Protein backbone atom coordinates (compact mmCIF):
# COMPACT_ATOMS: atom_id res chain seq x y z
CA MET A 1 8.87 10.65 -9.27
CA ASP A 2 7.20 9.00 -6.28
CA VAL A 3 8.97 6.06 -4.74
CA LEU A 4 7.96 2.88 -2.95
CA ILE A 5 9.56 2.25 0.39
CA ARG A 6 10.72 -1.21 1.31
CA VAL A 7 9.27 -2.20 4.70
CA GLN A 8 10.00 -4.70 7.39
CA SER A 9 7.08 -7.12 7.20
CA SER A 10 6.58 -10.82 6.66
CA ASN A 11 3.70 -10.11 4.24
CA ILE A 12 4.38 -6.67 2.66
CA ALA A 13 7.52 -5.92 0.57
CA ALA A 14 6.99 -2.20 -0.17
CA VAL A 15 4.58 0.67 0.28
CA GLY A 16 4.05 3.90 -1.73
CA TYR A 17 1.64 6.79 -1.46
CA ARG A 18 0.50 9.60 -3.70
CA LEU A 19 -0.96 12.49 -1.74
CA ALA A 20 -2.60 14.16 -4.72
CA THR A 21 -4.81 11.21 -5.47
CA GLU A 22 -4.86 9.61 -1.97
CA THR A 23 -3.57 6.36 -3.52
CA LEU A 24 -1.81 3.73 -1.45
CA ILE A 25 0.26 1.15 -3.34
CA VAL A 26 1.20 -2.12 -1.69
CA GLU A 27 3.53 -4.70 -3.04
CA PHE A 28 3.14 -8.05 -1.25
CA ARG A 29 5.95 -10.52 -0.74
CA GLY A 30 4.11 -13.04 -2.79
CA GLY A 31 4.52 -10.80 -5.88
CA SER A 32 1.05 -9.23 -6.22
CA SER A 33 0.54 -5.55 -5.99
CA TYR A 34 -2.60 -3.48 -5.26
CA SER A 35 -3.56 0.12 -5.19
CA TYR A 36 -6.11 1.39 -2.75
CA SER A 37 -7.97 4.67 -2.95
CA PRO A 38 -9.04 7.07 -1.62
CA VAL A 39 -6.88 6.39 1.50
CA PRO A 40 -6.30 9.35 3.75
CA VAL A 41 -2.64 10.23 4.48
CA GLU A 42 -3.24 9.49 8.21
CA VAL A 43 -3.93 5.89 7.34
CA TYR A 44 -0.72 5.69 5.34
CA ASP A 45 1.24 7.32 8.15
CA GLY A 46 -0.21 4.76 10.62
CA LEU A 47 0.75 1.94 8.32
CA MET A 48 4.30 3.18 8.09
CA ILE A 49 4.75 3.34 11.87
CA ALA A 50 2.81 0.17 12.70
CA GLU A 51 4.69 -2.64 14.36
CA SER A 52 2.72 -5.13 12.30
CA LYS A 53 2.15 -3.69 8.91
CA GLY A 54 0.16 -6.68 7.65
CA SER A 55 -2.31 -6.54 10.57
CA TYR A 56 -2.63 -2.73 10.27
CA LEU A 57 -3.31 -3.01 6.49
CA ALA A 58 -5.98 -5.62 7.07
CA ARG A 59 -7.70 -3.68 9.85
CA HIS A 60 -7.58 -0.23 8.34
CA VAL A 61 -7.41 -0.71 4.57
CA THR A 62 -8.39 -4.10 3.06
CA ARG A 63 -11.48 -4.54 5.27
CA ASN A 64 -12.61 -0.92 4.80
CA LYS A 65 -15.32 -0.88 2.09
CA ALA A 66 -14.77 2.83 1.56
CA TYR A 67 -11.51 2.12 -0.32
CA THR A 68 -11.37 0.72 -3.82
CA ALA A 69 -8.75 -2.00 -4.31
CA THR A 70 -7.25 -2.50 -7.78
CA LYS A 71 -4.92 -5.33 -8.64
CA LEU A 72 -1.93 -3.96 -10.53
CA ALA A 73 -0.35 -5.75 -13.50
CA ASP A 74 2.08 -8.45 -12.59
CA VAL A 75 5.12 -6.28 -12.92
CA PRO A 76 7.37 -5.14 -10.14
CA VAL A 77 5.70 -2.03 -8.62
CA TRP A 78 9.15 -0.48 -8.38
CA ASP A 79 8.44 0.30 -12.09
CA VAL A 80 4.94 1.80 -11.44
CA ARG A 81 4.76 5.56 -11.33
CA LEU A 82 2.36 6.63 -8.64
């Protein structure tokens, strides 16, 4: 089973990634969760080492029209299998 990793961020609570489908899962501190695809593993790696994860996500993922964003059901993504 894939896992989400809690991160240090004022905006993002946790991040997960599924290599097989190039799917990035982001749980925000406000409670909403989104999946983004197809996101290359290099972008995920960059997010995980970024000093400001929220800024990195905005610059490299949410503003990138090549990635499809899908709002996940309002359940904790800790329960979502990637």
